[in-house]
Amino acid sequence: MSISILPPSANGSKLRPMVGAVTYIRVSTKEQTENLSLSTQLKACEEYCQRQGFEVLARFHEEGESEDSRSD
């Protein structure tokens, strides 16, 4: 994946261009909901984006069991 950087602004601003980000968080097992909750993951993603100067454009989340973690 490549990230394109916009050319300098027309007004000569020296600010770094804002980069967009999308967050995707999920838990797939009951144990993960206890140890790595969606809210914990979301907070970590939001803080990371803020530190890096990324604007969060969309947030996606998924909860539930994956195929591998289901018991038959």
C-alpha atoms as a PDB file:
ATOM      1  CA  MET A   1       0.000   0.000   0.000  1.00  0.00           C
ATOM      2  CA  SER A   2       1.267   3.455  -0.797  1.00  0.00           C
ATOM      3  CA  ILE A   3       0.330   6.772   0.743  1.00  0.00           C
ATOM      4  CA  SER A   4       0.388   9.794  -1.485  1.00  0.00           C
ATOM      5  CA  ILE A   5       1.345  13.106   0.057  1.00  0.00           C
ATOM      6  CA  LEU A   6      -0.391  16.190  -1.238  1.00  0.00           C
ATOM      7  CA  PRO A   7       1.734  18.979  -2.684  1.00  0.00           C
ATOM      8  CA  PRO A   8       2.441  22.011  -0.471  1.00  0.00           C
ATOM      9  CA  SER A   9      -0.597  24.196   0.072  1.00  0.00           C
ATOM     10  CA  ALA A  10      -1.191  27.189  -2.145  1.00  0.00           C
ATOM     11  CA  ASN A  11      -0.907  29.545   0.817  1.00  0.00           C
ATOM     12  CA  GLY A  12       2.605  28.321   1.644  1.00  0.00           C
ATOM     13  CA  SER A  13       1.636  26.604   4.871  1.00  0.00           C
ATOM     14  CA  LYS A  14       4.410  24.523   6.387  1.00  0.00           C
ATOM     15  CA  LEU A  15       1.968  22.243   8.217  1.00  0.00           C
ATOM     16  CA  ARG A  16       2.160  18.555   7.492  1.00  0.00           C
ATOM     17  CA  PRO A  17      -0.797  17.404   5.392  1.00  0.00           C
ATOM     18  CA  MET A  18      -3.483  15.577   7.363  1.00  0.00           C
ATOM     19  CA  VAL A  19      -3.513  11.862   6.585  1.00  0.00           C
ATOM     20  CA  GLY A  20      -6.767   9.938   6.799  1.00  0.00           C
ATOM     21  CA  ALA A  21      -7.100   6.672   8.695  1.00  0.00           C
ATOM     22  CA  VAL A  22      -9.701   3.969   9.153  1.00  0.00           C
ATOM     23  CA  THR A  23      -9.869   1.922  12.344  1.00  0.00           C
ATOM     24  CA  TYR A  24     -11.025  -1.685  12.493  1.00  0.00           C
ATOM     25  CA  ILE A  25     -11.417  -3.361  15.861  1.00  0.00           C
ATOM     26  CA  ARG A  26     -12.750  -6.786  16.724  1.00  0.00           C
ATOM     27  CA  VAL A  27     -12.993  -9.524  19.269  1.00  0.00           C
ATOM     28  CA  SER A  28     -13.697 -13.075  18.238  1.00  0.00           C
ATOM     29  CA  THR A  29     -13.871 -15.059  21.465  1.00  0.00           C
ATOM     30  CA  LYS A  30     -15.482 -14.585  24.840  1.00  0.00           C
ATOM     31  CA  GLU A  31     -12.043 -14.552  26.481  1.00  0.00           C
ATOM     32  CA  GLN A  32     -10.962 -11.661  24.257  1.00  0.00           C
ATOM     33  CA  THR A  33     -13.986  -9.606  25.303  1.00  0.00           C
ATOM     34  CA  GLU A  34     -12.737  -9.849  28.885  1.00  0.00           C
ATOM     35  CA  ASN A  35      -9.087  -9.022  28.151  1.00  0.00           C
ATOM     36  CA  LEU A  36      -9.113  -6.895  25.016  1.00  0.00           C
ATOM     37  CA  SER A  37     -12.483  -5.176  24.845  1.00  0.00           C
ATOM     38  CA  LEU A  38     -13.653  -3.153  21.875  1.00  0.00           C
ATOM     39  CA  SER A  39     -13.489   0.020  23.955  1.00  0.00           C
ATOM     40  CA  THR A  40      -9.866  -0.706  24.914  1.00  0.00           C
ATOM     41  CA  GLN A  41      -8.927  -1.295  21.283  1.00  0.00           C
ATOM     42  CA  LEU A  42     -10.803   1.809  20.119  1.00  0.00           C
ATOM     43  CA  LYS A  43      -9.022   3.965  22.684  1.00  0.00           C
ATOM     44  CA  ALA A  44      -5.634   2.603  21.585  1.00  0.00           C
ATOM     45  CA  CYS A  45      -6.434   3.249  17.913  1.00  0.00           C
ATOM     46  CA  GLU A  46      -7.711   6.767  18.590  1.00  0.00           C
ATOM     47  CA  GLU A  47      -4.646   7.639  20.673  1.00  0.00           C
ATOM     48  CA  TYR A  48      -2.284   6.262  18.026  1.00  0.00           C
ATOM     49  CA  CYS A  49      -3.978   8.255  15.273  1.00  0.00           C
ATOM     50  CA  GLN A  50      -3.849  11.408  17.366  1.00  0.00           C
ATOM     51  CA  ARG A  51      -0.124  10.958  18.071  1.00  0.00           C
ATOM     52  CA  GLN A  52       0.609  10.383  14.388  1.00  0.00           C
ATOM     53  CA  GLY A  53      -1.543  13.290  13.205  1.00  0.00           C
ATOM     54  CA  PHE A  54      -4.032  11.052  11.393  1.00  0.00           C
ATOM     55  CA  GLU A  55      -7.659  12.056  10.974  1.00  0.00           C
ATOM     56  CA  VAL A  56      -9.968   9.099  11.622  1.00  0.00           C
ATOM     57  CA  LEU A  57     -12.337   9.029   8.658  1.00  0.00           C
ATOM     58  CA  ALA A  58     -14.273   5.893   9.610  1.00  0.00           C
ATOM     59  CA  ARG A  59     -14.509   3.408  12.457  1.00  0.00           C
ATOM     60  CA  PHE A  60     -15.461  -0.227  12.002  1.00  0.00           C
ATOM     61  CA  HIS A  61     -15.985  -2.838  14.695  1.00  0.00           C
ATOM     62  CA  GLU A  62     -16.896  -6.485  14.778  1.00  0.00           C
ATOM     63  CA  GLU A  63     -17.750  -8.673  17.696  1.00  0.00           C
ATOM     64  CA  GLY A  64     -18.531 -12.329  17.707  1.00  0.00           C
ATOM     65  CA  GLU A  65     -16.838 -15.621  17.177  1.00  0.00           C
ATOM     66  CA  SER A  66     -14.739 -16.452  14.154  1.00  0.00           C
ATOM     67  CA  GLU A  67     -15.027 -19.790  12.353  1.00  0.00           C
ATOM     68  CA  ASP A  68     -11.874 -21.089  14.044  1.00  0.00           C
ATOM     69  CA  SER A  69     -13.050 -20.315  17.561  1.00  0.00           C
ATOM     70  CA  ARG A  70     -16.511 -21.914  17.384  1.00  0.00           C
ATOM     71  CA  SER A  71     -17.024 -25.220  19.086  1.00  0.00           C
ATOM     72  CA  ASP A  72     -19.124 -27.799  17.232  1.00  0.00           C
END
